[in-house]
N, C-alpha and C. Protein backbone atom coordinates (compact mmCIF):
# COMPACT_ATOMS: atom_id res chain seq x y z
N MET A 1 132.32 42.19 109.57
CA MET A 1 133.19 42.51 108.47
C MET A 1 132.75 43.79 107.78
N VAL A 2 131.48 43.91 107.48
CA VAL A 2 130.97 45.11 106.81
C VAL A 2 131.18 46.33 107.69
N ARG A 3 130.86 46.21 108.96
CA ARG A 3 131.03 47.34 109.87
C ARG A 3 132.51 47.73 109.96
N TYR A 4 133.39 46.76 110.08
CA TYR A 4 134.82 47.05 110.18
C TYR A 4 135.32 47.74 108.91
N ALA A 5 134.96 47.19 107.76
CA ALA A 5 135.42 47.77 106.49
C ALA A 5 134.91 49.19 106.32
N ALA A 6 133.66 49.44 106.72
CA ALA A 6 133.10 50.79 106.59
C ALA A 6 133.76 51.77 107.54
N LYS A 7 134.08 51.30 108.72
CA LYS A 7 134.63 52.20 109.74
C LYS A 7 136.14 52.38 109.65
N TYR A 8 136.86 51.30 109.38
CA TYR A 8 138.33 51.36 109.43
C TYR A 8 139.01 51.05 108.10
N GLY A 9 138.24 50.75 107.08
CA GLY A 9 138.83 50.27 105.85
C GLY A 9 139.34 51.30 104.87
N LYS A 10 139.05 52.56 105.09
CA LYS A 10 139.49 53.59 104.15
C LYS A 10 140.98 53.44 103.87
N ASP A 11 141.32 53.22 102.60
CA ASP A 11 142.70 53.04 102.14
C ASP A 11 143.37 51.79 102.70
N ARG A 12 142.63 50.89 103.36
CA ARG A 12 143.21 49.67 103.93
C ARG A 12 142.51 48.43 103.41
N VAL A 13 141.30 48.56 102.95
CA VAL A 13 140.52 47.43 102.44
C VAL A 13 140.26 47.69 100.96
N VAL A 14 140.54 46.70 100.12
CA VAL A 14 140.33 46.90 98.69
C VAL A 14 139.08 46.19 98.17
N LYS A 15 138.65 45.14 98.87
CA LYS A 15 137.44 44.41 98.49
C LYS A 15 136.84 43.78 99.73
N VAL A 16 135.54 43.54 99.69
CA VAL A 16 134.83 42.89 100.79
C VAL A 16 134.07 41.70 100.22
N ILE A 17 134.09 40.60 100.95
CA ILE A 17 133.37 39.40 100.56
C ILE A 17 132.51 38.96 101.74
N THR A 18 131.23 38.72 101.50
CA THR A 18 130.36 38.17 102.53
C THR A 18 129.69 36.91 101.97
N ALA A 19 129.39 35.98 102.85
CA ALA A 19 128.67 34.77 102.47
C ALA A 19 127.62 34.49 103.54
N GLY A 20 126.36 34.60 103.16
CA GLY A 20 125.27 34.37 104.10
C GLY A 20 125.27 35.39 105.23
N ALA A 21 125.73 36.58 104.96
CA ALA A 21 125.89 37.60 106.00
C ALA A 21 124.55 38.22 106.40
N ILE A 22 124.53 38.80 107.58
CA ILE A 22 123.31 39.36 108.14
C ILE A 22 122.94 40.76 107.67
N PRO A 23 123.88 41.56 107.22
CA PRO A 23 123.49 42.94 106.88
C PRO A 23 122.39 42.99 105.84
N PRO A 24 121.53 43.98 105.92
CA PRO A 24 121.63 45.14 106.79
C PRO A 24 121.12 44.92 108.22
N LEU A 25 120.04 44.19 108.42
CA LEU A 25 119.48 43.99 109.76
C LEU A 25 118.65 42.72 109.77
N MET A 26 118.89 41.85 110.75
CA MET A 26 118.12 40.61 110.84
C MET A 26 116.78 40.78 111.53
N LEU A 27 116.71 41.68 112.49
CA LEU A 27 115.52 41.84 113.33
C LEU A 27 114.35 42.45 112.54
N GLN A 28 113.18 41.90 112.74
CA GLN A 28 111.98 42.47 112.14
C GLN A 28 111.61 43.76 112.87
N THR A 29 111.44 44.81 112.11
CA THR A 29 111.03 46.13 112.63
C THR A 29 110.01 46.69 111.65
N PRO A 30 109.36 47.79 112.00
CA PRO A 30 108.44 48.41 111.03
C PRO A 30 109.14 48.76 109.71
N ASP A 31 110.40 49.15 109.77
CA ASP A 31 111.16 49.48 108.57
C ASP A 31 111.78 48.26 107.91
N ASN A 32 111.74 47.11 108.58
CA ASN A 32 112.35 45.88 108.07
C ASN A 32 111.37 44.71 108.28
N PRO A 33 110.23 44.75 107.58
CA PRO A 33 109.22 43.71 107.80
C PRO A 33 109.66 42.30 107.38
N GLU A 34 110.71 42.20 106.53
CA GLU A 34 111.20 40.89 106.11
C GLU A 34 112.08 40.24 107.17
N GLY A 35 112.42 40.99 108.19
CA GLY A 35 113.29 40.48 109.24
C GLY A 35 112.62 39.40 110.09
N THR A 36 113.40 38.88 111.00
CA THR A 36 112.95 37.82 111.90
C THR A 36 112.42 38.42 113.19
N PRO A 37 111.25 37.98 113.67
CA PRO A 37 110.69 38.53 114.91
C PRO A 37 111.61 38.31 116.11
N ILE A 38 111.60 39.23 117.05
CA ILE A 38 112.45 39.17 118.24
C ILE A 38 112.21 37.87 119.02
N GLU A 39 111.01 37.33 118.97
CA GLU A 39 110.69 36.10 119.68
C GLU A 39 111.58 34.94 119.23
N ALA A 40 111.95 34.92 117.96
CA ALA A 40 112.84 33.86 117.47
C ALA A 40 114.21 33.96 118.12
N PHE A 41 114.69 35.18 118.31
CA PHE A 41 116.00 35.37 118.93
C PHE A 41 115.92 35.11 120.44
N ASP A 42 114.77 35.44 121.04
CA ASP A 42 114.56 35.11 122.45
C ASP A 42 114.58 33.59 122.65
N GLU A 43 113.99 32.87 121.69
CA GLU A 43 113.97 31.41 121.76
C GLU A 43 115.39 30.84 121.61
N ILE A 44 116.18 31.42 120.74
CA ILE A 44 117.58 30.98 120.60
C ILE A 44 118.30 31.13 121.93
N ARG A 45 118.15 32.31 122.56
CA ARG A 45 118.81 32.54 123.84
C ARG A 45 118.34 31.54 124.90
N ALA A 46 117.05 31.30 124.95
CA ALA A 46 116.50 30.35 125.92
C ALA A 46 117.04 28.94 125.67
N ASN A 47 117.11 28.52 124.42
CA ASN A 47 117.61 27.18 124.10
C ASN A 47 119.09 27.04 124.40
N VAL A 48 119.85 28.10 124.16
CA VAL A 48 121.28 28.07 124.49
C VAL A 48 121.46 27.89 125.99
N LEU A 49 120.67 28.59 126.78
CA LEU A 49 120.79 28.47 128.23
C LEU A 49 120.26 27.14 128.76
N ALA A 50 119.19 26.65 128.16
CA ALA A 50 118.57 25.42 128.67
C ALA A 50 119.40 24.17 128.38
N ASP A 51 119.92 24.06 127.15
CA ASP A 51 120.67 22.86 126.76
C ASP A 51 121.46 23.19 125.50
N ARG A 52 122.58 23.86 125.70
CA ARG A 52 123.32 24.32 124.53
C ARG A 52 123.85 23.18 123.67
N SER A 53 124.14 22.04 124.27
CA SER A 53 124.61 20.91 123.48
C SER A 53 123.55 20.48 122.47
N GLN A 54 122.33 20.35 122.94
CA GLN A 54 121.24 19.97 122.02
C GLN A 54 120.92 21.09 121.04
N PHE A 55 121.04 22.33 121.49
CA PHE A 55 120.81 23.47 120.61
C PHE A 55 121.73 23.38 119.38
N TRP A 56 123.04 23.13 119.60
CA TRP A 56 123.98 23.07 118.48
C TRP A 56 123.68 21.87 117.58
N ARG A 57 123.29 20.74 118.17
CA ARG A 57 122.94 19.57 117.35
C ARG A 57 121.73 19.88 116.47
N ASP A 58 120.71 20.48 117.06
CA ASP A 58 119.51 20.80 116.30
C ASP A 58 119.79 21.85 115.23
N LEU A 59 120.56 22.87 115.57
CA LEU A 59 120.85 23.96 114.62
C LEU A 59 121.64 23.46 113.42
N ALA A 60 122.49 22.48 113.61
CA ALA A 60 123.29 21.95 112.49
C ALA A 60 122.40 21.47 111.35
N GLU A 61 121.23 20.94 111.67
CA GLU A 61 120.33 20.41 110.65
C GLU A 61 119.90 21.50 109.66
N SER A 62 119.39 22.62 110.17
CA SER A 62 118.95 23.70 109.28
C SER A 62 120.14 24.51 108.76
N PHE A 63 121.20 24.63 109.54
CA PHE A 63 122.39 25.37 109.13
C PHE A 63 122.95 24.80 107.82
N TYR A 64 123.04 23.49 107.74
CA TYR A 64 123.56 22.83 106.54
C TYR A 64 122.47 22.35 105.58
N GLY A 65 121.22 22.61 105.90
CA GLY A 65 120.14 22.13 105.05
C GLY A 65 119.99 20.63 105.10
N ALA A 66 120.47 20.01 106.18
CA ALA A 66 120.39 18.56 106.32
C ALA A 66 118.95 18.10 106.50
N ASN A 67 118.05 19.02 106.79
CA ASN A 67 116.64 18.70 106.95
C ASN A 67 115.89 18.77 105.61
N ARG A 68 116.62 18.95 104.53
CA ARG A 68 116.02 19.01 103.19
C ARG A 68 116.20 17.69 102.47
N LYS A 69 115.22 17.32 101.67
CA LYS A 69 115.27 16.09 100.89
C LYS A 69 116.49 16.13 99.96
N GLY A 70 117.21 15.04 99.92
CA GLY A 70 118.38 14.92 99.05
C GLY A 70 119.66 15.48 99.63
N SER A 71 119.61 15.96 100.85
CA SER A 71 120.81 16.51 101.48
C SER A 71 121.86 15.42 101.65
N ASN A 72 123.13 15.79 101.45
CA ASN A 72 124.20 14.82 101.63
C ASN A 72 125.25 15.32 102.62
N VAL A 73 124.81 16.08 103.60
CA VAL A 73 125.73 16.60 104.61
C VAL A 73 126.18 15.45 105.51
N SER A 74 127.47 15.35 105.68
CA SER A 74 128.01 14.25 106.48
C SER A 74 127.75 14.46 107.97
N GLN A 75 127.69 13.35 108.68
CA GLN A 75 127.57 13.42 110.13
C GLN A 75 128.81 14.11 110.71
N GLY A 76 129.95 13.91 110.08
CA GLY A 76 131.17 14.55 110.54
C GLY A 76 131.08 16.06 110.50
N ALA A 77 130.50 16.61 109.44
CA ALA A 77 130.35 18.06 109.34
C ALA A 77 129.42 18.57 110.43
N LYS A 78 128.32 17.85 110.66
CA LYS A 78 127.39 18.26 111.71
C LYS A 78 128.03 18.13 113.09
N ASP A 79 128.80 17.09 113.29
CA ASP A 79 129.51 16.91 114.56
C ASP A 79 130.54 18.02 114.78
N ASP A 80 131.22 18.42 113.72
CA ASP A 80 132.20 19.49 113.84
C ASP A 80 131.52 20.82 114.17
N PHE A 81 130.36 21.06 113.58
CA PHE A 81 129.58 22.26 113.91
C PHE A 81 129.23 22.26 115.40
N TRP A 82 128.78 21.10 115.89
CA TRP A 82 128.46 20.95 117.32
C TRP A 82 129.70 21.23 118.17
N ARG A 83 130.84 20.66 117.77
CA ARG A 83 132.09 20.84 118.52
C ARG A 83 132.47 22.31 118.60
N GLN A 84 132.38 23.00 117.48
CA GLN A 84 132.72 24.42 117.48
C GLN A 84 131.78 25.23 118.37
N GLY A 85 130.50 24.90 118.31
CA GLY A 85 129.53 25.58 119.17
C GLY A 85 129.80 25.34 120.64
N MET A 86 130.15 24.11 120.98
CA MET A 86 130.42 23.78 122.38
C MET A 86 131.70 24.43 122.89
N MET A 87 132.62 24.74 122.00
CA MET A 87 133.86 25.40 122.41
C MET A 87 133.65 26.89 122.71
N ALA A 88 132.59 27.45 122.20
CA ALA A 88 132.34 28.88 122.40
C ALA A 88 131.89 29.15 123.83
N ASN A 89 132.33 30.25 124.36
CA ASN A 89 131.94 30.68 125.70
C ASN A 89 130.43 30.92 125.75
N LEU A 90 129.76 30.38 126.74
CA LEU A 90 128.31 30.49 126.85
C LEU A 90 127.85 31.94 126.89
N SER A 91 128.52 32.76 127.66
CA SER A 91 128.15 34.17 127.74
C SER A 91 128.32 34.86 126.40
N ALA A 92 129.40 34.54 125.70
CA ALA A 92 129.65 35.14 124.39
C ALA A 92 128.57 34.73 123.39
N VAL A 93 128.18 33.46 123.41
CA VAL A 93 127.13 32.98 122.51
C VAL A 93 125.82 33.71 122.81
N TYR A 94 125.48 33.80 124.06
CA TYR A 94 124.24 34.48 124.47
C TYR A 94 124.26 35.93 124.00
N ASP A 95 125.35 36.64 124.27
CA ASP A 95 125.45 38.05 123.89
C ASP A 95 125.52 38.23 122.37
N CYS A 96 126.07 37.26 121.69
CA CYS A 96 126.20 37.33 120.24
C CYS A 96 124.84 37.39 119.55
N VAL A 97 123.84 36.76 120.14
CA VAL A 97 122.51 36.75 119.54
C VAL A 97 122.00 38.19 119.40
N LYS A 98 122.18 38.99 120.42
CA LYS A 98 121.77 40.40 120.35
C LYS A 98 122.57 41.14 119.29
N ALA A 99 123.87 40.91 119.28
CA ALA A 99 124.74 41.63 118.33
C ALA A 99 124.38 41.31 116.89
N PHE A 100 124.22 40.01 116.55
CA PHE A 100 123.96 39.70 115.15
C PHE A 100 122.52 40.00 114.74
N SER A 101 121.60 40.00 115.67
CA SER A 101 120.21 40.19 115.29
C SER A 101 119.76 41.65 115.33
N GLU A 102 120.32 42.44 116.23
CA GLU A 102 119.81 43.79 116.44
C GLU A 102 120.72 44.91 115.92
N THR A 103 121.88 44.57 115.39
CA THR A 103 122.79 45.59 114.88
C THR A 103 122.39 45.96 113.45
N ASP A 104 122.05 47.22 113.27
CA ASP A 104 121.66 47.72 111.96
C ASP A 104 122.91 48.19 111.22
N GLN A 105 123.22 47.54 110.13
CA GLN A 105 124.41 47.86 109.35
C GLN A 105 124.07 48.56 108.02
N THR A 106 122.90 49.15 107.96
CA THR A 106 122.47 49.84 106.74
C THR A 106 123.47 50.92 106.34
N GLU A 107 123.82 51.78 107.29
CA GLU A 107 124.74 52.88 106.97
C GLU A 107 126.14 52.37 106.68
N ASP A 108 126.53 51.26 107.28
CA ASP A 108 127.83 50.66 106.98
C ASP A 108 127.89 50.21 105.53
N LEU A 109 126.82 49.59 105.06
CA LEU A 109 126.77 49.16 103.66
C LEU A 109 126.85 50.36 102.73
N ARG A 110 126.12 51.41 103.05
CA ARG A 110 126.14 52.62 102.22
C ARG A 110 127.52 53.28 102.21
N ALA A 111 128.26 53.14 103.29
CA ALA A 111 129.56 53.80 103.42
C ALA A 111 130.69 53.07 102.69
N LEU A 112 130.48 51.81 102.34
CA LEU A 112 131.54 51.06 101.66
C LEU A 112 131.90 51.74 100.34
N ASP A 113 133.18 51.95 100.14
CA ASP A 113 133.63 52.59 98.90
C ASP A 113 134.52 51.65 98.07
N VAL A 114 134.40 50.36 98.35
CA VAL A 114 135.15 49.34 97.62
C VAL A 114 134.18 48.29 97.09
N PRO A 115 134.60 47.51 96.10
CA PRO A 115 133.73 46.45 95.60
C PRO A 115 133.41 45.42 96.70
N ILE A 116 132.17 44.94 96.67
CA ILE A 116 131.75 43.91 97.63
C ILE A 116 131.07 42.78 96.86
N PHE A 117 131.46 41.56 97.22
CA PHE A 117 130.86 40.35 96.66
C PHE A 117 129.94 39.79 97.74
N ILE A 118 128.66 39.74 97.44
CA ILE A 118 127.66 39.26 98.39
C ILE A 118 127.16 37.90 97.90
N ALA A 119 127.45 36.86 98.66
CA ALA A 119 127.07 35.50 98.28
C ALA A 119 126.04 34.97 99.28
N GLN A 120 125.01 34.31 98.76
CA GLN A 120 124.04 33.72 99.66
C GLN A 120 123.26 32.64 98.94
N GLY A 121 122.98 31.57 99.68
CA GLY A 121 122.14 30.50 99.16
C GLY A 121 120.68 30.90 99.22
N ASP A 122 119.90 30.47 98.24
CA ASP A 122 118.48 30.83 98.26
C ASP A 122 117.65 29.90 99.14
N ASP A 123 118.31 28.91 99.77
CA ASP A 123 117.62 28.06 100.75
C ASP A 123 118.25 28.22 102.13
N ASP A 124 118.69 29.43 102.43
CA ASP A 124 119.29 29.74 103.72
C ASP A 124 118.17 29.84 104.76
N GLN A 125 118.14 28.88 105.68
CA GLN A 125 117.11 28.85 106.72
C GLN A 125 117.51 29.65 107.96
N ILE A 126 118.74 30.14 107.99
CA ILE A 126 119.25 30.87 109.14
C ILE A 126 119.15 32.38 108.91
N VAL A 127 119.60 32.84 107.77
CA VAL A 127 119.55 34.26 107.40
C VAL A 127 118.70 34.36 106.14
N PRO A 128 117.45 34.77 106.27
CA PRO A 128 116.57 34.84 105.09
C PRO A 128 117.13 35.79 104.03
N ILE A 129 117.23 35.31 102.81
CA ILE A 129 117.84 36.09 101.73
C ILE A 129 117.10 37.40 101.46
N ALA A 130 115.78 37.41 101.62
CA ALA A 130 115.01 38.64 101.37
C ALA A 130 115.35 39.74 102.36
N ALA A 131 115.76 39.37 103.56
CA ALA A 131 116.10 40.36 104.58
C ALA A 131 117.58 40.68 104.61
N ALA A 132 118.36 39.96 103.84
CA ALA A 132 119.82 40.13 103.91
C ALA A 132 120.37 40.52 102.54
N ALA A 133 120.82 39.56 101.77
CA ALA A 133 121.53 39.82 100.52
C ALA A 133 120.72 40.66 99.54
N GLU A 134 119.43 40.37 99.42
CA GLU A 134 118.61 41.12 98.46
C GLU A 134 118.45 42.58 98.86
N LYS A 135 118.53 42.87 100.14
CA LYS A 135 118.49 44.26 100.60
C LYS A 135 119.89 44.89 100.55
N ALA A 136 120.90 44.13 100.95
CA ALA A 136 122.26 44.65 101.01
C ALA A 136 122.74 45.12 99.64
N ILE A 137 122.45 44.36 98.60
CA ILE A 137 122.94 44.71 97.27
C ILE A 137 122.40 46.06 96.81
N LYS A 138 121.23 46.43 97.28
CA LYS A 138 120.62 47.72 96.90
C LYS A 138 121.24 48.90 97.65
N LEU A 139 122.00 48.61 98.70
CA LEU A 139 122.57 49.67 99.54
C LEU A 139 124.02 50.01 99.20
N VAL A 140 124.69 49.11 98.51
CA VAL A 140 126.11 49.33 98.23
C VAL A 140 126.30 49.99 96.87
N ARG A 141 127.44 50.67 96.73
CA ARG A 141 127.75 51.38 95.48
C ARG A 141 128.27 50.44 94.40
N ASP A 142 129.11 49.47 94.80
CA ASP A 142 129.79 48.63 93.83
C ASP A 142 129.69 47.18 94.30
N GLY A 143 128.53 46.60 94.10
CA GLY A 143 128.31 45.26 94.62
C GLY A 143 127.97 44.24 93.55
N THR A 144 128.32 43.00 93.84
CA THR A 144 127.96 41.86 93.02
C THR A 144 127.22 40.88 93.92
N LEU A 145 126.01 40.52 93.55
CA LEU A 145 125.23 39.53 94.30
C LEU A 145 125.26 38.23 93.53
N LYS A 146 125.66 37.17 94.21
CA LYS A 146 125.63 35.82 93.63
C LYS A 146 124.75 34.96 94.52
N VAL A 147 123.66 34.49 93.95
CA VAL A 147 122.73 33.62 94.66
C VAL A 147 122.99 32.18 94.21
N TYR A 148 123.14 31.30 95.18
CA TYR A 148 123.44 29.89 94.91
C TYR A 148 122.14 29.09 95.08
N PRO A 149 121.57 28.61 93.98
CA PRO A 149 120.30 27.89 94.05
C PRO A 149 120.39 26.64 94.95
N GLY A 150 119.46 26.55 95.88
CA GLY A 150 119.37 25.40 96.77
C GLY A 150 120.37 25.38 97.91
N ALA A 151 121.27 26.36 97.95
CA ALA A 151 122.32 26.34 98.98
C ALA A 151 121.79 26.81 100.33
N PRO A 152 122.24 26.16 101.40
CA PRO A 152 121.85 26.53 102.76
C PRO A 152 122.76 27.63 103.30
N HIS A 153 122.64 27.92 104.57
CA HIS A 153 123.51 28.89 105.21
C HIS A 153 124.93 28.35 105.35
N GLY A 154 125.05 27.12 105.78
CA GLY A 154 126.36 26.51 105.96
C GLY A 154 127.01 26.18 104.63
N ILE A 155 128.23 26.60 104.47
CA ILE A 155 128.96 26.39 103.23
C ILE A 155 129.55 24.98 103.25
N TYR A 156 129.11 24.16 102.28
CA TYR A 156 129.46 22.75 102.32
C TYR A 156 129.34 22.15 100.92
N GLY A 157 130.14 21.18 100.62
CA GLY A 157 130.02 20.38 99.40
C GLY A 157 130.15 21.18 98.12
N ASP A 158 129.25 20.92 97.16
CA ASP A 158 129.31 21.59 95.86
C ASP A 158 129.20 23.10 96.01
N TYR A 159 128.38 23.54 96.94
CA TYR A 159 128.23 24.98 97.20
C TYR A 159 129.57 25.57 97.61
N GLN A 160 130.30 24.87 98.44
CA GLN A 160 131.61 25.36 98.89
C GLN A 160 132.57 25.48 97.71
N HIS A 161 132.58 24.50 96.85
CA HIS A 161 133.49 24.53 95.70
C HIS A 161 133.15 25.69 94.76
N GLU A 162 131.88 25.87 94.48
CA GLU A 162 131.45 26.96 93.60
C GLU A 162 131.77 28.32 94.23
N LEU A 163 131.47 28.47 95.52
CA LEU A 163 131.75 29.72 96.21
C LEU A 163 133.25 30.00 96.22
N ASP A 164 134.06 29.00 96.52
CA ASP A 164 135.52 29.18 96.52
C ASP A 164 136.01 29.71 95.17
N ASN A 165 135.52 29.12 94.09
CA ASN A 165 135.91 29.56 92.76
C ASN A 165 135.46 30.99 92.48
N ASP A 166 134.24 31.32 92.90
CA ASP A 166 133.74 32.68 92.70
C ASP A 166 134.54 33.71 93.51
N ILE A 167 134.93 33.35 94.71
CA ILE A 167 135.73 34.26 95.54
C ILE A 167 137.10 34.48 94.89
N LEU A 168 137.73 33.42 94.43
CA LEU A 168 139.04 33.57 93.79
C LEU A 168 138.94 34.44 92.53
N LYS A 169 137.87 34.28 91.77
CA LYS A 169 137.67 35.11 90.58
C LYS A 169 137.46 36.57 90.97
N PHE A 170 136.66 36.81 92.01
CA PHE A 170 136.40 38.18 92.47
C PHE A 170 137.69 38.85 92.94
N ILE A 171 138.50 38.11 93.65
CA ILE A 171 139.77 38.66 94.15
C ILE A 171 140.69 38.99 92.98
N ALA A 172 140.72 38.12 91.98
CA ALA A 172 141.63 38.30 90.85
C ALA A 172 141.23 39.45 89.93
N ASP A 173 139.94 39.73 89.85
CA ASP A 173 139.45 40.80 88.94
C ASP A 173 139.86 42.18 89.43
């Protein structure tokens, strides 16, 4: 979304909204020490190839924060996450890991000339907030960062309701 808006959005995009987004860069590099080491992404690729069904089941736990004390994520939500993952083309999933982890969107964020609402939970186990939202907000000209205390990467429950309201308010302003 950020890349598209920066590249093609001139006079066509009026606002940008991200939730738990990866920009500027997920991969750990000398310039991005808060990023995730390449070995973690290699492990994702290996797990997808070895047993993608189990990979999606396991990922649902941290995606929704279901592995946290007091979590109330339904089995139905986790099952739906698994279903969506299983519907994805294996090659596309494998290739997507490289795209989301190694694509540097720093210049895309700097190029945005419209307001951007950056939303992220502070308990996001998938996209670390220090490497994503906290960096992204410093790169944009007209940004609003909203951190949702205790919220995971997956938008669900009370977090979903609060985020929905914040998005509607951002759009209306």
